[in-house]
N, C-alpha and C. Protein backbone atom coordinates (compact mmCIF):
# COMPACT_ATOMS: atom_id res chain seq x y z
N UNK A 1 52.82 93.34 60.01
CA UNK A 1 53.04 91.72 59.45
C UNK A 1 52.16 91.11 60.49
N UNK A 2 51.60 90.17 59.78
CA UNK A 2 50.78 89.04 60.38
C UNK A 2 51.63 88.43 61.23
N UNK A 3 51.33 87.95 61.94
CA UNK A 3 51.61 87.14 63.23
C UNK A 3 51.48 85.19 62.68
N UNK A 4 51.96 84.21 62.62
CA UNK A 4 51.80 83.26 62.73
C UNK A 4 51.38 82.50 64.26
N UNK A 5 50.24 82.01 64.18
CA UNK A 5 49.54 81.23 65.51
C UNK A 5 50.75 80.20 65.85
N UNK A 6 51.59 79.65 65.13
CA UNK A 6 52.15 78.44 65.33
C UNK A 6 53.31 78.14 64.09
N UNK A 7 54.49 77.77 64.27
CA UNK A 7 55.20 77.36 63.61
C UNK A 7 54.75 76.50 62.45
N UNK A 8 54.60 76.84 61.25
CA UNK A 8 54.29 75.29 60.29
C UNK A 8 55.01 75.38 58.94
N UNK A 9 55.26 74.33 58.69
CA UNK A 9 55.93 74.44 57.27
C UNK A 9 54.73 74.70 56.54
N UNK A 10 53.74 75.06 56.70
CA UNK A 10 52.99 74.78 55.53
C UNK A 10 52.88 76.96 55.49
N UNK A 11 53.40 77.28 56.13
CA UNK A 11 53.79 78.79 55.74
C UNK A 11 54.50 79.09 54.33
N UNK A 12 55.62 78.17 54.25
CA UNK A 12 56.31 78.30 53.30
C UNK A 12 56.01 77.93 52.03
N UNK A 13 54.68 77.50 52.07
CA UNK A 13 53.90 77.37 50.76
C UNK A 13 53.02 78.26 50.00
N UNK A 14 52.40 79.07 51.31
CA UNK A 14 51.76 80.71 50.69
C UNK A 14 52.44 81.49 49.95
N UNK A 15 51.49 82.01 49.17
CA UNK A 15 52.20 83.29 48.53
C UNK A 15 52.66 84.52 49.14
N UNK A 16 53.67 85.25 48.35
CA UNK A 16 54.71 85.88 49.02
C UNK A 16 53.85 87.57 49.19
N UNK A 17 53.50 88.05 50.21
CA UNK A 17 53.27 89.26 49.78
C UNK A 17 54.46 90.41 49.42
N UNK A 18 54.35 91.22 48.74
CA UNK A 18 55.37 92.44 48.49
C UNK A 18 55.57 93.15 50.01
N UNK A 19 56.41 92.86 50.45
CA UNK A 19 57.26 94.00 51.39
C UNK A 19 57.43 95.09 51.23
N UNK A 20 57.58 96.17 52.29
CA UNK A 20 58.19 97.63 51.96
C UNK A 20 58.82 98.12 53.04
N UNK A 21 59.67 98.84 52.95
CA UNK A 21 59.98 99.83 53.79
C UNK A 21 60.39 101.19 53.33
N UNK A 22 60.87 102.15 54.04
CA UNK A 22 61.14 103.37 53.44
C UNK A 22 62.28 103.31 52.47
N UNK A 23 63.33 102.03 52.43
CA UNK A 23 64.49 101.88 51.67
C UNK A 23 64.68 100.97 50.85
N UNK A 24 63.44 100.15 50.86
CA UNK A 24 63.73 98.98 49.94
C UNK A 24 62.28 98.39 49.61
N UNK A 25 61.92 97.36 48.64
CA UNK A 25 60.95 96.93 48.41
C UNK A 25 61.36 95.55 48.30
N UNK A 26 60.69 94.11 48.69
CA UNK A 26 60.94 92.79 48.57
C UNK A 26 60.08 92.25 48.20
N UNK A 27 59.99 91.77 47.20
CA UNK A 27 58.78 90.51 46.57
C UNK A 27 59.52 89.48 45.37
N UNK A 28 58.71 88.68 45.80
CA UNK A 28 58.69 87.06 45.24
C UNK A 28 59.77 87.28 43.72
N UNK A 29 60.79 86.29 43.36
CA UNK A 29 61.34 86.63 42.23
C UNK A 29 60.58 86.51 40.74
N UNK A 30 60.38 86.94 39.86
CA UNK A 30 59.91 86.53 38.83
C UNK A 30 60.93 86.21 37.30
N UNK A 31 60.52 85.71 36.36
CA UNK A 31 61.25 85.36 35.28
C UNK A 31 62.23 86.67 34.84
N UNK A 32 61.01 87.48 34.52
CA UNK A 32 60.90 89.03 34.11
C UNK A 32 62.02 90.23 34.64
N UNK A 33 62.81 89.44 35.72
CA UNK A 33 64.15 90.00 36.49
C UNK A 33 64.81 89.81 35.73
N UNK A 34 65.28 89.02 35.18
CA UNK A 34 66.35 88.15 34.84
C UNK A 34 67.59 89.31 34.40
N UNK A 35 66.98 89.86 33.54
CA UNK A 35 67.97 90.57 32.82
C UNK A 35 68.34 91.74 33.47
N UNK A 36 67.14 91.94 34.60
CA UNK A 36 68.20 93.28 35.55
C UNK A 36 68.73 92.89 36.22
N UNK A 37 68.76 91.59 36.81
CA UNK A 37 69.81 90.83 37.84
C UNK A 37 71.03 90.21 37.06
N UNK A 38 70.90 90.25 35.87
CA UNK A 38 72.12 89.23 35.26
C UNK A 38 73.61 90.05 35.80
N UNK A 39 73.52 91.27 35.92
CA UNK A 39 74.62 92.32 35.70
C UNK A 39 74.90 92.02 37.37
N UNK A 40 74.35 92.26 38.48
CA UNK A 40 74.19 92.22 39.63
C UNK A 40 74.60 90.49 40.20
N UNK A 41 74.07 89.64 39.88
CA UNK A 41 74.21 88.23 40.00
C UNK A 41 76.01 87.77 39.34
N UNK A 42 76.09 88.46 38.14
CA UNK A 42 77.20 88.25 37.50
C UNK A 42 78.57 88.87 38.30
N UNK A 43 78.09 89.59 39.11
CA UNK A 43 79.78 89.90 40.06
C UNK A 43 80.41 89.00 40.04
N UNK A 44 81.89 89.26 40.19
CA UNK A 44 83.19 88.25 39.88
C UNK A 44 83.60 88.64 41.82
N UNK A 45 82.80 88.83 42.40
CA UNK A 45 83.42 88.60 43.94
C UNK A 45 82.06 87.68 44.06
N UNK A 46 81.26 87.08 43.50
CA UNK A 46 80.07 85.77 43.97
C UNK A 46 81.58 84.66 43.62
N UNK A 47 81.12 83.90 44.52
CA UNK A 47 81.76 82.29 44.35
C UNK A 47 81.49 82.50 42.63
N UNK A 48 82.51 81.46 42.03
CA UNK A 48 82.00 81.25 40.53
C UNK A 48 80.78 80.24 40.72
N UNK A 49 80.55 78.84 41.08
CA UNK A 49 79.75 78.20 40.93
C UNK A 49 78.56 78.40 41.72
N UNK A 50 78.47 79.72 42.19
CA UNK A 50 77.08 81.31 42.80
C UNK A 50 76.43 81.65 41.63
N UNK A 51 77.86 81.96 40.53
CA UNK A 51 76.82 83.08 39.98
C UNK A 51 76.28 82.71 38.56
N UNK A 52 75.30 83.23 38.15
CA UNK A 52 75.23 83.08 36.77
C UNK A 52 76.22 83.36 35.80
N UNK A 53 76.04 83.02 34.66
CA UNK A 53 76.44 83.84 33.10
C UNK A 53 76.04 84.04 32.19
N UNK A 54 74.52 83.96 32.31
CA UNK A 54 73.84 84.45 31.19
C UNK A 54 72.58 84.54 31.37
N UNK A 55 71.85 85.18 29.98
CA UNK A 55 70.36 85.32 30.66
C UNK A 55 69.71 84.45 30.91
N UNK A 56 69.98 83.30 30.04
CA UNK A 56 69.56 82.23 30.80
C UNK A 56 69.06 81.13 31.84
N UNK A 57 70.73 81.60 32.09
CA UNK A 57 71.15 81.11 33.31
C UNK A 57 69.86 81.66 34.48
N UNK A 58 70.01 83.04 34.54
CA UNK A 58 69.07 83.79 35.44
C UNK A 58 67.75 83.61 35.68
N UNK A 59 67.18 82.94 34.40
CA UNK A 59 66.08 82.90 33.74
C UNK A 59 65.27 81.59 34.26
N UNK A 60 66.61 80.64 34.27
CA UNK A 60 66.25 79.37 34.92
C UNK A 60 66.19 79.16 36.33
N UNK A 61 67.51 79.93 36.69
CA UNK A 61 67.68 80.37 37.97
C UNK A 61 65.81 80.65 38.98
N UNK A 62 65.40 81.81 38.45
CA UNK A 62 63.76 81.95 38.80
C UNK A 62 62.74 80.97 38.62
N UNK A 63 62.86 80.35 37.55
CA UNK A 63 61.64 79.65 37.24
C UNK A 63 62.19 77.97 38.64
N UNK A 64 63.25 77.82 38.49
CA UNK A 64 63.63 76.86 39.75
C UNK A 64 63.13 77.85 40.86
N UNK A 65 63.63 78.43 41.37
CA UNK A 65 63.05 79.43 42.40
C UNK A 65 61.83 79.40 42.49
N UNK A 66 61.12 79.66 41.87
CA UNK A 66 59.82 79.69 42.13
C UNK A 66 58.61 78.30 42.55
N UNK A 67 59.49 77.03 41.39
CA UNK A 67 59.07 75.82 41.88
C UNK A 67 59.30 75.62 43.10
N UNK A 68 60.08 75.73 43.26
CA UNK A 68 60.53 75.59 44.74
C UNK A 68 60.09 75.58 46.15
N UNK A 69 59.47 77.23 45.58
CA UNK A 69 58.66 77.72 46.57
C UNK A 69 57.05 77.43 46.33
N UNK A 70 57.27 76.67 45.27
CA UNK A 70 55.48 75.88 45.17
C UNK A 70 55.94 74.66 46.38
N UNK A 71 56.81 73.86 46.22
CA UNK A 71 57.06 72.92 47.03
C UNK A 71 57.57 72.99 48.66
N UNK A 72 57.72 74.46 48.73
CA UNK A 72 57.72 75.13 50.16
C UNK A 72 58.99 74.43 50.62
N UNK A 73 60.13 74.46 49.78
CA UNK A 73 61.65 74.51 49.91
C UNK A 73 62.27 75.72 50.20
N UNK A 74 62.07 76.87 49.43
CA UNK A 74 62.46 78.20 49.15
C UNK A 74 61.78 79.51 48.90
N UNK A 75 61.96 80.21 49.68
CA UNK A 75 61.65 81.63 49.16
C UNK A 75 62.50 82.96 48.83
N UNK A 76 62.63 82.88 47.17
CA UNK A 76 63.05 84.10 47.00
C UNK A 76 62.70 85.19 46.42
N UNK A 77 63.21 86.24 47.34
CA UNK A 77 62.80 88.08 47.19
C UNK A 77 63.87 88.75 46.26
N UNK A 78 63.54 89.34 45.44
CA UNK A 78 64.17 90.15 44.87
C UNK A 78 64.50 91.45 45.46
N UNK A 79 65.33 92.14 45.58
CA UNK A 79 65.49 93.68 46.77
C UNK A 79 65.23 94.45 45.74
N UNK A 80 64.51 95.98 45.50
CA UNK A 80 64.39 96.87 44.65
C UNK A 80 64.88 98.16 45.80
N UNK A 81 65.76 98.70 45.40
CA UNK A 81 65.98 100.45 46.29
C UNK A 81 64.44 100.97 46.07
N UNK A 82 64.35 101.50 46.92
CA UNK A 82 63.13 102.61 47.02
C UNK A 82 63.53 103.93 46.04
N UNK A 83 62.63 104.23 44.90
CA UNK A 83 62.91 104.67 44.13
C UNK A 83 63.24 104.55 42.66
N UNK A 84 63.78 103.13 42.59
CA UNK A 84 63.62 101.99 41.40
C UNK A 84 62.93 101.31 41.31
N UNK A 85 62.77 100.74 40.43
CA UNK A 85 61.75 99.95 39.36
C UNK A 85 62.48 98.25 39.58
N UNK A 86 63.57 98.35 39.05
CA UNK A 86 64.41 96.81 39.03
C UNK A 86 65.11 96.49 39.87
N UNK A 87 65.44 95.43 40.14
CA UNK A 87 65.99 94.62 41.38
C UNK A 87 67.41 94.84 41.17
N UNK A 88 68.28 94.92 42.16
CA UNK A 88 69.86 95.31 42.12
C UNK A 88 70.22 93.70 43.24
N UNK A 89 69.35 93.41 43.44
CA UNK A 89 69.96 91.92 44.24
C UNK A 89 68.70 90.84 44.79
N UNK A 90 69.06 89.98 45.48
CA UNK A 90 67.76 89.10 46.44
C UNK A 90 68.35 88.32 47.64
N UNK A 91 67.35 87.60 47.85
CA UNK A 91 67.41 86.96 49.34
C UNK A 91 67.04 85.75 49.32
N UNK A 92 67.59 84.60 49.24
CA UNK A 92 66.93 83.47 49.41
C UNK A 92 66.57 82.91 51.00
N UNK A 93 65.76 82.41 50.91
CA UNK A 93 65.64 81.85 52.57
C UNK A 93 64.78 80.19 52.40
N UNK A 94 65.72 79.76 53.69
CA UNK A 94 65.12 77.85 52.86
C UNK A 94 65.09 77.75 54.32
N UNK A 95 63.55 77.07 54.74
CA UNK A 95 63.66 76.26 55.47
C UNK A 95 64.46 74.76 55.55
N UNK A 96 65.24 74.68 56.97
CA UNK A 96 66.37 73.66 57.24
C UNK A 96 65.72 72.29 57.85
N UNK A 97 64.44 72.98 58.67
CA UNK A 97 63.84 71.59 59.23
C UNK A 97 62.48 71.37 58.75
N UNK A 98 61.92 70.15 59.04
CA UNK A 98 60.57 70.19 58.73
C UNK A 98 59.64 70.61 58.71
N UNK A 99 59.87 71.67 59.75
CA UNK A 99 58.68 72.43 60.99
C UNK A 99 58.67 73.32 59.93
N UNK A 100 60.08 74.09 59.49
CA UNK A 100 60.22 75.65 59.24
C UNK A 100 60.74 76.26 60.05
N UNK A 101 60.84 76.07 61.16
CA UNK A 101 61.05 76.58 62.29
C UNK A 101 62.69 77.19 62.31
N UNK A 102 63.36 76.63 61.65
CA UNK A 102 64.67 76.95 61.40
C UNK A 102 65.28 77.11 60.04
N UNK A 103 65.53 77.86 59.52
CA UNK A 103 65.93 78.50 58.08
C UNK A 103 67.50 79.48 57.98
N UNK A 104 67.65 78.58 56.52
CA UNK A 104 69.20 79.81 56.07
C UNK A 104 68.82 80.70 55.48
N UNK A 105 69.71 81.67 55.43
CA UNK A 105 69.34 82.81 54.27
C UNK A 105 70.45 83.30 53.33
N UNK A 106 70.61 83.88 52.54
CA UNK A 106 71.69 84.37 51.75
C UNK A 106 71.26 85.53 51.16
N UNK A 107 71.90 86.54 50.95
CA UNK A 107 71.23 87.99 50.59
C UNK A 107 72.49 88.16 49.04
N UNK A 108 72.29 88.62 47.97
CA UNK A 108 73.14 89.08 46.81
C UNK A 108 73.06 90.19 46.66
N UNK A 109 73.71 91.36 47.22
CA UNK A 109 73.55 92.34 46.31
C UNK A 109 74.51 93.30 45.26
N UNK A 110 74.03 93.78 44.24
CA UNK A 110 74.82 94.23 43.38
C UNK A 110 75.68 95.47 44.27
N UNK A 111 77.20 95.27 43.54
CA UNK A 111 78.39 96.39 44.35
C UNK A 111 77.46 97.31 44.11
N UNK A 112 77.03 98.07 43.74
CA UNK A 112 76.85 99.60 43.60
C UNK A 112 76.00 100.07 44.70
N UNK A 113 75.71 99.01 45.06
CA UNK A 113 74.51 99.25 46.10
C UNK A 113 74.62 98.71 47.96
N UNK A 114 76.32 98.11 47.28
CA UNK A 114 76.54 97.30 48.80
C UNK A 114 76.88 98.27 50.55
N UNK A 115 77.10 99.64 49.68
CA UNK A 115 77.80 100.29 50.91
C UNK A 115 76.90 101.34 51.10
N UNK A 116 75.22 101.56 50.87
CA UNK A 116 74.22 102.29 51.22
C UNK A 116 73.16 102.27 51.90
N UNK A 117 73.39 101.31 52.96
CA UNK A 117 72.41 100.41 53.61
C UNK A 117 71.64 99.84 53.21
N UNK A 118 70.98 99.55 52.19
CA UNK A 118 69.98 98.49 51.34
C UNK A 118 70.50 97.17 51.91
N UNK A 119 71.08 96.51 52.10
CA UNK A 119 71.69 95.22 52.77
C UNK A 119 71.07 95.14 53.82
N UNK A 120 71.26 96.34 55.02
CA UNK A 120 70.89 96.44 56.46
C UNK A 120 68.81 96.49 56.43
N UNK A 121 68.48 97.57 55.84
CA UNK A 121 67.30 97.60 54.96
C UNK A 121 66.64 96.06 54.62
N UNK A 122 67.13 95.84 53.52
CA UNK A 122 66.67 94.70 52.99
C UNK A 122 66.50 93.24 54.33
N UNK A 123 67.76 93.01 55.26
CA UNK A 123 67.70 91.60 55.62
C UNK A 123 66.71 92.04 57.02
N UNK A 124 66.47 93.56 57.34
CA UNK A 124 65.53 93.83 58.53
C UNK A 124 64.18 93.01 58.12
N UNK A 125 63.77 93.68 56.86
CA UNK A 125 62.27 93.38 56.37
C UNK A 125 62.46 91.97 56.11
N UNK A 126 63.04 91.10 55.34
CA UNK A 126 63.22 89.96 55.30
C UNK A 126 62.86 89.43 56.99
N UNK A 127 63.98 89.67 58.11
CA UNK A 127 63.63 89.10 59.19
C UNK A 127 62.49 89.34 59.83
N UNK A 128 61.84 90.38 59.67
CA UNK A 128 60.42 90.74 60.24
C UNK A 128 59.48 89.80 59.37
N UNK A 129 59.47 89.62 58.09
CA UNK A 129 59.01 88.31 57.36
C UNK A 129 59.36 86.98 58.12
N UNK A 130 60.42 86.89 57.95
CA UNK A 130 60.40 85.49 58.55
C UNK A 130 60.16 85.07 59.75
N UNK A 131 60.05 85.81 60.67
CA UNK A 131 60.13 85.50 62.41
C UNK A 131 58.58 85.95 62.73
N UNK A 132 57.78 86.81 61.82
CA UNK A 132 56.37 87.27 62.01
C UNK A 132 55.64 86.57 61.30
N UNK A 133 55.48 86.17 60.11
CA UNK A 133 54.79 85.40 59.08
C UNK A 133 55.22 83.97 59.01
N UNK A 134 56.51 83.59 58.70
CA UNK A 134 56.61 82.17 58.20
C UNK A 134 56.53 81.31 59.76
N UNK A 135 57.04 82.21 60.97
CA UNK A 135 57.24 81.25 62.53
C UNK A 135 57.99 81.02 62.53
N UNK A 136 59.42 81.60 61.69
CA UNK A 136 60.75 81.09 62.32
C UNK A 136 61.14 81.18 63.35
N UNK A 137 61.72 80.94 64.07
CA UNK A 137 62.51 81.18 65.27
C UNK A 137 64.26 80.84 65.38
N UNK A 138 64.82 80.25 64.28
CA UNK A 138 66.18 80.60 64.04
C UNK A 138 66.74 80.83 62.52
N UNK A 139 67.25 81.67 62.19
CA UNK A 139 67.87 81.77 61.20
C UNK A 139 69.18 81.68 61.12
N UNK A 140 69.90 81.17 59.82
CA UNK A 140 71.27 81.16 60.11
C UNK A 140 71.77 81.63 58.63
N UNK A 141 72.88 82.59 58.29
CA UNK A 141 72.85 83.46 57.36
C UNK A 141 74.28 82.38 56.68
N UNK A 142 74.04 82.44 55.12
CA UNK A 142 75.22 81.56 54.53
C UNK A 142 75.92 82.37 53.69
N UNK A 143 77.23 82.48 53.99
CA UNK A 143 78.18 83.59 53.19
C UNK A 143 78.51 82.88 51.87
N UNK A 144 78.02 83.86 50.85
CA UNK A 144 77.85 83.50 49.67
C UNK A 144 79.48 83.80 48.64
N UNK A 145 80.63 84.90 49.42
CA UNK A 145 81.28 85.58 48.82
C UNK A 145 82.49 84.45 48.58
N UNK A 146 83.47 84.85 47.20
CA UNK A 146 84.49 84.01 46.58
C UNK A 146 85.46 84.11 47.65
N UNK A 147 86.12 82.73 48.00
CA UNK A 147 86.96 82.35 49.10
C UNK A 147 87.67 83.43 49.54
N UNK A 148 88.55 84.28 47.96
CA UNK A 148 89.43 85.25 48.78
C UNK A 148 88.95 86.14 49.26
N UNK A 149 88.05 86.96 49.06
CA UNK A 149 86.98 88.00 50.10
C UNK A 149 86.96 86.95 51.37
N UNK A 150 86.90 85.84 51.73
CA UNK A 150 86.58 85.42 52.92
C UNK A 150 87.70 85.31 53.90
N UNK A 151 88.81 84.82 52.86
CA UNK A 151 90.24 84.48 53.80
C UNK A 151 90.74 86.06 53.87
N UNK A 152 90.59 87.16 53.16
CA UNK A 152 91.44 88.70 53.58
C UNK A 152 89.86 88.91 54.64
N UNK A 153 88.41 88.64 54.91
CA UNK A 153 88.19 89.02 56.03
C UNK A 153 88.31 88.70 57.26
N UNK A 154 89.04 87.38 56.68
CA UNK A 154 89.34 86.56 58.03
C UNK A 154 91.35 86.77 58.38
N UNK A 155 91.73 87.65 57.84
CA UNK A 155 93.19 87.82 58.31
C UNK A 155 94.26 87.25 57.57
N UNK A 156 93.36 86.51 55.73
CA UNK A 156 94.10 85.50 55.17
C UNK A 156 94.39 84.33 56.17
N UNK A 157 93.70 83.89 57.16
CA UNK A 157 93.51 82.43 57.96
C UNK A 157 92.87 81.67 57.06
N UNK A 158 92.80 80.45 56.88
CA UNK A 158 92.31 79.30 56.17
C UNK A 158 90.91 79.55 56.47
N UNK A 159 89.87 79.88 55.05
CA UNK A 159 88.36 80.12 55.34
C UNK A 159 87.90 78.30 55.79
N UNK A 160 86.86 78.65 56.57
CA UNK A 160 86.24 78.09 57.66
C UNK A 160 84.22 77.70 57.03
N UNK A 161 83.72 77.05 56.83
CA UNK A 161 82.75 76.90 56.50
C UNK A 161 82.13 77.87 57.95
N UNK A 162 81.52 79.14 58.06
CA UNK A 162 80.84 79.62 59.21
C UNK A 162 79.34 80.33 59.03
N UNK A 163 78.67 80.33 59.65
CA UNK A 163 77.63 80.93 60.01
C UNK A 163 77.28 81.76 60.84
N UNK A 164 76.20 82.79 60.91
CA UNK A 164 75.72 83.70 61.72
C UNK A 164 74.32 83.21 62.09
N UNK A 165 73.99 82.75 63.45
CA UNK A 165 72.72 82.78 64.09
C UNK A 165 71.94 83.71 64.55
N UNK A 166 70.77 84.03 64.23
CA UNK A 166 69.73 85.02 64.92
C UNK A 166 68.54 83.79 65.04
N UNK A 167 68.30 84.11 66.57
CA UNK A 167 67.46 83.37 67.12
C UNK A 167 66.53 84.48 67.74
N UNK A 168 65.25 84.59 67.38
CA UNK A 168 63.93 85.10 68.11
C UNK A 168 63.64 84.83 69.20
N UNK A 169 63.43 85.57 70.23
CA UNK A 169 63.48 85.42 71.69
C UNK A 169 62.31 85.88 72.11
């Protein structure tokens, strides 16, 4: 990975390289990914407002994601497991301050791929990119599972807005 000399919001506008590890490939979303992503993003475990319902919804999502990247407001990467050609999930990475040194991310992976280490591999690769190339020094995870899963994980206590923070040291 290329290291950035300074933290700069300019890095958020640049072309995103294809990122590879032994377990996964991450690359910028394309409109042609919509068909493969639809079944994974339409998962009923995601909050209803977070999931697309039609092929046109996913295509629009991809177009908007690419436009936001051009404006430096979002990087959306698809997750492709090793040995496969089609994406099974995505990672969204957004700057949350003007310099781009702080960002939030969210990950969606199709249900069949959640327990095989793909999440961990994809997030580790994204961390390398965010900290090394973009110059991010703080990342916050944004939970997107439906409230019933959040409540169940919290022992059926009322769900609260929570974030996981990862800080580069």
